[in-house]
Amino acid sequence: MIDLVADLLAYIDRSPTPYHAVAETERRLHNAGFEGLAEAELWDLEPGSRRIVVRNDGSLVAFQVGSLMPAEGGFRIVAAHTDSPNLRLKPLADLTAHGYRQLAVEPYGGVLLHTWLDRDLSLAGRVSLEGDPAPRTLLLDFGRPLVRIPNLAIHLQRELRETGLKVDAQKHTPPLIGLEGAPDIRELVATEFRAQDLADVSPEQILAFDLMAYDTQPSGVSGSRGEFILAPRLDNLASCHAALSALVDVQQGDLAPFTRVVALYDHEEVGSRSAQGAAGTFLVDVLDRVVASVKGGEPQGLPRALAASTLVSADMAHAVHPNYSERHESGHQPLIGGGPVIKVNANQSYATDAETAGLFTALCRKVGVAPQHFVSRSDLACGSTIGPITAARLGVRTVDVGNPMLSMHSCREMAGTADVEPMIEILRAFFDSP
């Protein structure tokens, strides 16, 4: 049997950016028999069709058409997000200061900036190149320590002991990439493309880029009994991996009456308002076309299908922190290793209600797991996720869940090895249950 923890760590390490996460997900789905489908094509589907649709490199929807028409069988959807808070290069990134070459970066999402200091960082993302007849976009990963944001020595900021560390996003985050006279970013990118035999290009042929920093330390396991996962981007690649693994597993068995769907969105960490984000049209476009493209599709198919559908929004959850337990609601303190978490917010920062919480609890019981629960303290703001956004967009019953973790939005995060398999089993049951 596959070591699911090791497989998760490999998935994360191969996915330093949302674009690489989608590419790795595509690779695994292709190996499982799914075929790519372009949005510009005319779709022709039938029961059993397994397809992948990608929008703008960072978001993906995969589905297996069920034995019933979607208008009758509905959809079972698991949604997660591919992006994580990080530091992203500005368009004109080259800086020089006091004999050093640096890069101008912009925080993406709610980054814990201090966790990026003194880390061995690399760069990855996508690059737009001149092409004939149109520009082409290629993925790039330098794959080695390349930049670093050094801390200031305590001797030069002794007030740190009293005031604490305050990182200014503009002044303190530009990483060092070399000494003055080192190659600029476009020359580095062109050289790396040639070194990896990806493209023979000159710096002048580089039109634009979406490049971001990431930690080069491999993902791993720690704890006296191997209880903990230590990795970047657990929020939310761990949920992407769980959704993907469940879909790959169940599609090898009997065809379900409903259509199974996995939706992995970009831009959740910045509000989801983009062409490929959860607030955009991507998922509803795909579902509408699935309804219309299956032979024998019926009138008013999409509203009927959505009325018969359920969505599991999978995003990581806050485990209780032993040093800051007062920040958690008493009685709602999920523990790493304690199993999946149902997330509830009365003000709809999460989409869970009694019906969908009951559904997920029943699935947990089916696989022999007891769910944990998270709700924010009433005097603290609650974070949100794609659940309520997608629920509002589709009008579908939705539950927000996730595995418990610590160090959320850090350069390196922490979760539990014992929680990996149960979430996959629950999502597998969701895709298989009547």
Protein backbone atom coordinates (compact mmCIF):
# COMPACT_ATOMS: atom_id res chain seq x y z
CA MET A 1 0.00 0.00 0.00
CA ILE A 2 1.23 3.50 -0.79
CA ASP A 3 2.75 5.45 2.10
CA LEU A 4 0.30 8.35 2.11
CA VAL A 5 2.44 10.62 4.29
CA ALA A 6 5.49 10.15 2.04
CA ASP A 7 3.28 10.69 -0.99
CA LEU A 8 1.95 13.95 0.47
CA LEU A 9 5.48 15.19 1.17
CA ALA A 10 6.53 14.37 -2.40
CA TYR A 11 3.46 16.17 -3.76
CA ILE A 12 4.28 19.29 -1.75
CA ASP A 13 7.96 19.30 -2.72
CA ARG A 14 7.02 19.05 -6.41
CA SER A 15 4.58 21.97 -6.03
CA PRO A 16 6.50 25.13 -5.06
CA THR A 17 3.88 27.34 -6.78
CA PRO A 18 0.18 27.01 -7.69
CA TYR A 19 1.25 26.43 -11.31
CA HIS A 20 3.50 23.54 -10.32
CA ALA A 21 0.78 22.15 -8.05
CA VAL A 22 -1.63 22.06 -10.99
CA ALA A 23 1.03 20.50 -13.23
CA GLU A 24 1.77 17.80 -10.64
CA THR A 25 -1.96 17.15 -10.15
CA GLU A 26 -2.40 16.87 -13.93
CA ARG A 27 0.48 14.40 -14.14
CA ARG A 28 -1.04 12.17 -11.51
CA LEU A 29 -4.50 12.34 -13.06
CA HIS A 30 -3.14 11.52 -16.52
CA ASN A 31 -1.43 8.47 -15.01
CA ALA A 32 -4.82 7.46 -13.60
CA GLY A 33 -6.51 7.67 -17.02
CA PHE A 34 -7.91 11.21 -17.02
CA GLU A 35 -7.62 13.21 -20.24
CA GLY A 36 -7.15 16.92 -20.75
CA LEU A 37 -10.01 19.04 -22.04
CA ALA A 38 -9.60 22.61 -23.29
CA GLU A 39 -12.20 25.25 -22.52
CA ALA A 40 -12.10 26.42 -26.14
CA GLU A 41 -13.04 22.96 -27.43
CA LEU A 42 -16.55 21.62 -28.09
CA TRP A 43 -17.14 19.07 -25.35
CA ASP A 44 -18.69 15.66 -26.01
CA LEU A 45 -19.02 13.54 -22.87
CA GLU A 46 -20.65 10.31 -21.82
CA PRO A 47 -21.05 8.33 -18.58
CA GLY A 48 -17.60 7.35 -17.36
CA SER A 49 -15.74 10.19 -19.10
CA ARG A 50 -12.74 11.32 -17.04
CA ARG A 51 -11.50 14.78 -17.87
CA ILE A 52 -9.25 17.59 -16.60
CA VAL A 53 -9.81 21.29 -17.27
CA VAL A 54 -7.17 23.91 -16.36
CA ARG A 55 -7.67 27.66 -16.30
CA ASN A 56 -4.73 30.09 -16.34
CA ASP A 57 -2.27 27.42 -15.11
CA GLY A 58 -3.20 27.87 -11.43
CA SER A 59 -6.68 26.29 -11.15
CA LEU A 60 -7.95 22.84 -12.13
CA VAL A 61 -11.23 20.97 -12.26
CA ALA A 62 -11.22 17.20 -12.71
CA PHE A 63 -14.35 15.09 -13.03
CA GLN A 64 -15.70 11.62 -13.74
CA VAL A 65 -19.18 11.63 -15.26
CA GLY A 66 -21.57 9.36 -13.40
CA SER A 67 -23.92 6.70 -14.72
CA LEU A 68 -26.93 9.03 -14.46
CA MET A 69 -27.38 12.27 -16.32
CA PRO A 70 -25.99 15.08 -14.13
CA ALA A 71 -29.46 16.64 -13.96
CA GLU A 72 -30.60 13.49 -12.18
CA GLY A 73 -27.49 12.34 -10.32
CA GLY A 74 -26.05 15.72 -9.37
CA PHE A 75 -22.43 16.39 -8.44
CA ARG A 76 -20.26 15.37 -5.50
CA ILE A 77 -17.61 18.11 -5.32
CA VAL A 78 -14.47 18.42 -3.21
CA ALA A 79 -12.85 21.85 -3.45
CA ALA A 80 -9.50 23.11 -2.16
CA HIS A 81 -6.99 25.80 -3.12
CA THR A 82 -3.54 25.65 -4.70
CA ASP A 83 -2.06 28.95 -3.48
CA SER A 84 -0.24 29.74 -0.23
CA PRO A 85 1.03 33.00 1.30
CA ASN A 86 4.52 33.83 0.08
CA LEU A 87 6.74 36.55 -1.40
CA ARG A 88 6.34 37.32 -5.10
CA LEU A 89 8.66 39.25 -7.39
CA LYS A 90 7.57 42.66 -8.60
CA PRO A 91 7.63 43.19 -12.41
CA LEU A 92 10.82 45.31 -12.29
CA ALA A 93 12.48 43.27 -9.59
CA ASP A 94 16.16 44.21 -9.83
CA LEU A 95 17.52 46.31 -6.96
CA THR A 96 21.04 47.36 -5.95
CA ALA A 97 21.95 48.72 -2.52
CA HIS A 98 25.29 49.21 -0.75
CA GLY A 99 27.12 46.76 -2.99
CA TYR A 100 24.42 44.06 -3.00
CA ARG A 101 22.05 42.82 -5.68
CA GLN A 102 18.52 42.33 -4.34
CA LEU A 103 15.01 41.57 -5.61
CA ALA A 104 11.89 43.64 -5.04
CA VAL A 105 9.15 41.42 -3.62
CA GLU A 106 5.53 41.85 -2.60
CA PRO A 107 3.80 39.84 0.15
CA TYR A 108 1.06 37.59 -1.21
CA GLY A 109 -1.73 36.82 1.22
CA GLY A 110 -1.43 36.90 5.01
CA VAL A 111 2.28 36.06 5.24
CA LEU A 112 3.99 35.60 8.61
CA LEU A 113 6.90 37.69 7.35
CA HIS A 114 9.35 36.92 10.16
CA THR A 115 9.29 33.21 9.27
CA TRP A 116 10.90 33.98 5.90
CA LEU A 117 14.04 35.43 7.47
CA ASP A 118 17.26 33.40 7.39
CA ARG A 119 15.71 30.69 5.21
CA ASP A 120 17.41 29.16 2.16
CA LEU A 121 14.98 30.28 -0.52
CA SER A 122 14.64 29.56 -4.22
CA LEU A 123 12.44 30.98 -6.98
CA ALA A 124 9.80 29.27 -9.09
CA GLY A 125 6.77 30.17 -11.18
CA ARG A 126 5.93 30.78 -14.81
CA VAL A 127 7.55 32.92 -17.50
CA SER A 128 6.07 34.44 -20.66
CA LEU A 129 8.40 34.19 -23.65
CA GLU A 130 8.37 35.51 -27.18
CA GLY A 131 6.87 32.98 -29.59
CA ASP A 132 5.61 32.55 -33.10
CA PRO A 133 2.80 33.32 -33.73
CA ALA A 134 2.01 34.15 -30.07
CA PRO A 135 3.87 34.30 -26.75
CA ARG A 136 4.25 31.03 -24.85
CA THR A 137 4.33 30.42 -21.11
CA LEU A 138 6.68 27.91 -19.45
CA LEU A 139 7.07 26.79 -15.86
CA LEU A 140 10.43 27.29 -14.17
CA ASP A 141 11.86 26.13 -10.86
CA PHE A 142 15.43 27.04 -9.95
CA GLY A 143 15.31 24.16 -7.47
CA ARG A 144 18.27 25.28 -5.35
CA PRO A 145 19.05 27.92 -2.70
CA LEU A 146 19.23 31.19 -4.58
CA VAL A 147 18.06 34.06 -2.35
CA ARG A 148 17.98 34.85 1.36
CA ILE A 149 16.52 37.54 3.65
CA PRO A 150 19.09 37.92 6.44
CA ASN A 151 18.11 38.99 9.94
CA LEU A 152 19.76 42.00 11.52
CA ALA A 153 22.22 40.99 14.27
CA ILE A 154 21.05 41.48 17.86
CA HIS A 155 24.06 43.76 18.46
CA LEU A 156 22.52 46.31 16.06
CA GLN A 157 18.99 46.14 17.49
CA ARG A 158 19.27 45.47 21.21
CA GLU A 159 15.82 46.98 21.66
CA LEU A 160 14.48 43.77 20.10
CA ARG A 161 14.28 42.19 23.56
CA GLU A 162 11.79 44.81 24.70
CA THR A 163 9.91 45.75 21.53
CA GLY A 164 9.92 42.46 19.62
CA LEU A 165 10.65 41.99 15.94
CA LYS A 166 8.79 44.25 13.52
CA VAL A 167 9.26 43.41 9.86
CA ASP A 168 8.49 46.18 7.38
CA ALA A 169 7.15 44.57 4.20
CA GLN A 170 8.69 47.26 1.99
CA LYS A 171 12.07 47.83 3.64
CA HIS A 172 12.99 44.52 5.25
CA THR A 173 11.87 41.80 2.82
CA PRO A 174 13.92 42.31 -0.41
CA PRO A 175 16.11 39.19 -0.50
CA LEU A 176 19.79 39.15 -1.43
CA ILE A 177 20.59 37.37 -4.67
CA GLY A 178 24.23 38.37 -5.10
CA LEU A 179 26.81 41.11 -4.94
CA GLU A 180 26.64 44.15 -7.13
CA GLY A 181 27.44 43.17 -10.70
CA ALA A 182 25.63 39.83 -10.43
CA PRO A 183 23.24 38.95 -13.31
CA ASP A 184 19.83 40.60 -13.33
CA ILE A 185 16.70 38.49 -13.00
CA ARG A 186 16.00 38.15 -16.71
CA GLU A 187 19.54 36.99 -17.41
CA LEU A 188 19.28 34.49 -14.57
CA VAL A 189 15.97 33.16 -15.90
CA ALA A 190 17.30 32.82 -19.45
CA THR A 191 20.42 31.03 -18.19
CA GLU A 192 18.33 28.65 -16.10
CA PHE A 193 16.04 27.80 -19.01
CA ARG A 194 19.10 26.86 -21.05
CA ALA A 195 20.73 24.93 -18.19
CA GLN A 196 17.58 22.83 -17.73
CA ASP A 197 17.12 22.38 -21.50
CA LEU A 198 13.67 23.92 -21.25
CA ALA A 199 14.13 26.69 -23.80
CA ASP A 200 16.95 28.36 -25.69
CA VAL A 201 16.08 31.99 -25.01
CA SER A 202 17.84 35.29 -24.46
CA PRO A 203 16.96 37.77 -21.69
CA GLU A 204 15.35 40.01 -24.32
CA GLN A 205 12.87 37.26 -25.20
CA ILE A 206 11.45 37.23 -21.66
CA LEU A 207 8.24 39.24 -21.77
CA ALA A 208 6.95 38.86 -18.20
CA PHE A 209 6.97 36.48 -15.24
CA ASP A 210 5.05 35.31 -12.18
CA LEU A 211 7.92 34.22 -9.93
CA MET A 212 7.76 33.63 -6.20
CA ALA A 213 10.08 32.60 -3.39
CA TYR A 214 9.84 29.26 -1.62
CA ASP A 215 11.73 27.38 1.07
CA THR A 216 14.16 24.79 -0.31
CA GLN A 217 14.28 22.61 2.82
CA PRO A 218 12.56 19.33 1.92
CA SER A 219 9.34 18.40 3.68
CA GLY A 220 9.81 15.95 6.52
CA VAL A 221 8.49 14.27 9.64
CA SER A 222 9.38 15.02 13.27
CA GLY A 223 8.35 14.14 16.81
CA SER A 224 9.46 11.37 19.15
CA ARG A 225 7.11 8.97 17.35
CA GLY A 226 6.99 10.71 13.98
CA GLU A 227 3.77 12.50 14.91
CA PHE A 228 4.32 15.70 12.97
CA ILE A 229 4.61 16.77 9.35
CA LEU A 230 6.89 19.75 8.75
CA ALA A 231 6.47 21.30 5.33
CA PRO A 232 5.76 24.49 3.44
CA ARG A 233 2.35 25.10 1.87
CA LEU A 234 0.44 22.53 3.95
CA ASP A 235 -2.27 25.18 3.78
CA ASN A 236 -3.62 24.08 1.43
CA LEU A 237 -1.69 21.52 -0.63
CA ALA A 238 -2.49 18.89 2.01
CA SER A 239 -6.18 19.26 1.15
CA CYS A 240 -5.44 19.26 -2.60
CA HIS A 241 -3.54 16.00 -2.12
CA ALA A 242 -6.40 14.46 -0.11
CA ALA A 243 -8.98 15.40 -2.77
CA LEU A 244 -6.78 14.15 -5.60
CA SER A 245 -5.96 10.88 -3.83
CA ALA A 246 -9.62 10.17 -3.08
CA LEU A 247 -10.69 10.81 -6.68
CA VAL A 248 -7.92 8.66 -8.14
CA ASP A 249 -8.81 5.82 -5.77
CA VAL A 250 -12.57 5.74 -6.36
CA GLN A 251 -12.52 6.17 -10.14
CA GLN A 252 -10.86 2.75 -10.45
CA GLY A 253 -13.98 1.12 -9.00
CA ASP A 254 -17.64 1.12 -10.00
CA LEU A 255 -19.16 4.12 -11.70
CA ALA A 256 -21.19 6.24 -9.29
CA PRO A 257 -24.66 7.50 -10.24
CA PHE A 258 -23.49 11.08 -9.57
CA THR A 259 -20.61 12.93 -11.21
CA ARG A 260 -17.47 13.16 -9.07
CA VAL A 261 -15.64 16.50 -9.16
CA VAL A 262 -12.45 17.93 -7.68
CA ALA A 263 -11.97 21.71 -7.97
CA LEU A 264 -8.61 23.23 -7.03
CA TYR A 265 -8.63 27.03 -7.06
CA ASP A 266 -5.91 29.65 -7.17
CA HIS A 267 -6.11 33.01 -5.31
CA GLU A 268 -7.96 31.88 -2.17
CA GLU A 269 -5.38 33.61 0.01
CA VAL A 270 -6.19 36.99 -1.56
CA GLY A 271 -9.99 36.76 -1.65
CA SER A 272 -10.68 34.49 -4.67
CA ARG A 273 -11.78 37.37 -6.91
CA SER A 274 -10.12 36.37 -10.17
CA ALA A 275 -10.95 34.58 -13.41
CA GLN A 276 -9.72 31.31 -11.91
CA GLY A 277 -10.65 31.94 -8.27
CA ALA A 278 -13.62 30.57 -6.39
CA ALA A 279 -15.51 33.84 -6.87
CA GLY A 280 -15.08 33.56 -10.64
CA THR A 281 -16.96 31.48 -13.18
CA PHE A 282 -14.57 28.55 -13.57
CA LEU A 283 -16.41 25.82 -11.68
CA VAL A 284 -19.92 26.86 -12.71
CA ASP A 285 -18.73 27.03 -16.34
CA VAL A 286 -17.36 23.50 -16.15
CA LEU A 287 -20.43 22.06 -14.43
CA ASP A 288 -22.78 23.78 -16.87
CA ARG A 289 -20.88 22.34 -19.82
CA VAL A 290 -20.78 18.87 -18.29
CA VAL A 291 -24.57 18.96 -17.95
CA ALA A 292 -24.97 20.15 -21.54
CA SER A 293 -22.31 17.87 -23.07
CA VAL A 294 -23.41 14.48 -21.78
CA LYS A 295 -25.55 12.73 -24.36
CA GLY A 296 -29.19 12.92 -23.37
CA GLY A 297 -28.83 16.13 -21.40
CA GLU A 298 -32.13 17.63 -20.37
CA PRO A 299 -33.60 21.16 -20.14
CA GLN A 300 -32.93 23.13 -16.94
CA GLY A 301 -30.17 20.63 -16.32
CA LEU A 302 -27.74 22.76 -14.32
CA PRO A 303 -30.17 24.04 -11.65
CA ARG A 304 -31.53 20.53 -11.24
CA ALA A 305 -28.03 19.08 -10.97
CA LEU A 306 -26.93 21.66 -8.40
CA ALA A 307 -30.03 21.06 -6.32
CA ALA A 308 -28.97 17.40 -6.10
CA SER A 309 -25.32 18.24 -5.31
CA THR A 310 -23.08 18.55 -2.25
CA LEU A 311 -19.73 20.28 -1.81
CA VAL A 312 -16.97 19.54 0.67
CA SER A 313 -14.73 22.58 1.03
CA ALA A 314 -11.41 21.22 2.30
CA ASP A 315 -9.02 23.76 3.82
CA MET A 316 -6.69 23.31 6.76
CA ALA A 317 -7.98 24.08 10.28
CA HIS A 318 -6.44 25.66 13.38
CA ALA A 319 -5.18 23.18 15.95
CA VAL A 320 -5.00 24.38 19.54
CA HIS A 321 -1.59 25.89 20.28
CA PRO A 322 -0.30 24.73 23.68
CA ASN A 323 1.45 28.08 24.28
CA TYR A 324 -1.55 30.20 23.23
CA SER A 325 -4.54 28.09 24.23
CA GLU A 326 -6.39 31.21 25.40
CA ARG A 327 -6.75 32.18 21.72
CA HIS A 328 -9.11 29.25 21.18
CA GLU A 329 -12.74 28.81 22.14
CA SER A 330 -12.98 26.45 25.11
CA GLY A 331 -14.56 23.19 24.06
CA HIS A 332 -13.51 23.72 20.44
CA GLN A 333 -9.78 23.03 20.51
CA PRO A 334 -8.78 20.62 17.73
CA LEU A 335 -5.63 18.58 18.35
CA ILE A 336 -3.07 17.55 15.76
CA GLY A 337 -3.50 13.81 15.26
CA GLY A 338 -7.09 13.98 16.49
CA GLY A 339 -8.77 13.69 13.11
CA PRO A 340 -10.63 15.95 10.67
CA VAL A 341 -12.17 19.23 11.81
CA ILE A 342 -15.62 20.58 10.98
CA LYS A 343 -15.45 24.40 10.84
CA VAL A 344 -18.48 26.48 11.85
CA ASN A 345 -19.15 30.23 11.88
CA ALA A 346 -22.59 31.71 12.51
CA ASN A 347 -21.74 34.72 10.33
CA GLN A 348 -21.02 32.53 7.30
CA SER A 349 -17.25 32.79 7.18
CA TYR A 350 -17.69 29.04 6.87
CA ALA A 351 -20.63 27.52 4.98
CA THR A 352 -21.29 24.60 7.35
CA ASP A 353 -24.80 24.14 8.69
CA ALA A 354 -26.50 21.37 10.64
CA GLU A 355 -27.40 19.42 7.50
CA THR A 356 -23.93 19.41 6.01
CA ALA A 357 -22.19 18.94 9.37
CA GLY A 358 -24.42 15.92 9.87
CA LEU A 359 -23.48 14.59 6.45
CA PHE A 360 -19.76 14.90 7.17
CA THR A 361 -20.14 13.41 10.66
CA ALA A 362 -21.93 10.41 9.15
CA LEU A 363 -19.08 9.95 6.67
CA CYS A 364 -16.58 10.12 9.53
CA ARG A 365 -18.48 7.45 11.44
CA LYS A 366 -18.60 5.30 8.35
CA VAL A 367 -14.80 5.12 8.26
CA GLY A 368 -14.43 4.87 12.04
CA VAL A 369 -13.33 8.44 12.77
CA ALA A 370 -14.74 11.00 15.21
CA PRO A 371 -14.65 14.57 13.86
CA GLN A 372 -13.29 17.52 15.81
CA HIS A 373 -14.88 20.97 15.76
CA PHE A 374 -13.55 24.49 15.37
CA VAL A 375 -15.28 27.79 16.00
CA SER A 376 -13.53 31.10 16.61
CA ARG A 377 -13.78 32.92 19.92
CA SER A 378 -16.60 35.45 19.81
CA ASP A 379 -14.16 38.31 20.42
CA LEU A 380 -11.78 37.31 17.58
CA ALA A 381 -12.31 37.70 13.86
CA CYS A 382 -12.80 34.49 11.91
CA GLY A 383 -10.86 33.69 8.77
CA SER A 384 -12.71 32.44 5.73
CA THR A 385 -12.17 30.11 2.80
CA ILE A 386 -13.65 29.01 -0.54
CA GLY A 387 -16.62 27.26 1.07
CA PRO A 388 -19.04 30.18 1.44
CA ILE A 389 -17.80 31.77 -1.80
CA THR A 390 -18.45 28.61 -3.81
CA ALA A 391 -21.72 27.92 -1.99
CA ALA A 392 -22.99 31.40 -2.88
CA ARG A 393 -21.79 31.03 -6.47
CA LEU A 394 -23.43 27.64 -7.02
CA GLY A 395 -26.23 27.47 -4.46
CA VAL A 396 -24.95 24.06 -3.32
CA ARG A 397 -25.08 22.54 0.16
CA THR A 398 -21.57 22.94 1.58
CA VAL A 399 -19.51 21.86 4.57
CA ASP A 400 -16.18 23.44 5.51
CA VAL A 401 -13.63 20.99 6.90
CA GLY A 402 -9.89 20.55 7.21
CA ASN A 403 -7.11 18.77 9.03
CA PRO A 404 -5.70 20.50 12.14
CA MET A 405 -2.37 22.31 11.89
CA LEU A 406 -0.05 24.78 13.58
CA SER A 407 2.12 27.57 12.11
CA MET A 408 -0.52 28.39 9.49
CA HIS A 409 0.81 30.92 6.94
CA SER A 410 4.38 30.36 8.09
CA CYS A 411 7.21 29.68 5.65
CA ARG A 412 7.13 26.16 7.12
CA GLU A 413 3.99 24.73 8.68
CA MET A 414 3.12 21.81 10.93
CA ALA A 415 0.44 19.13 10.77
CA GLY A 416 -0.10 15.52 11.87
CA THR A 417 0.93 12.31 10.17
CA ALA A 418 -2.05 10.49 11.72
CA ASP A 419 -4.51 12.87 10.04
CA VAL A 420 -3.47 12.24 6.43
CA GLU A 421 -5.15 8.89 5.80
CA PRO A 422 -8.48 9.53 7.61
CA MET A 423 -9.25 12.62 5.52
CA ILE A 424 -8.57 10.71 2.31
CA GLU A 425 -10.79 7.86 3.50
CA ILE A 426 -13.63 10.27 4.34
CA LEU A 427 -13.42 11.98 0.94
CA ARG A 428 -13.30 8.58 -0.72
CA ALA A 429 -16.48 7.63 1.14
CA PHE A 430 -18.04 10.92 0.05
CA PHE A 431 -17.32 10.02 -3.58
CA ASP A 432 -18.68 6.48 -3.09
CA SER A 433 -21.64 6.76 -0.70
CA PRO A 434 -25.28 6.74 -1.87
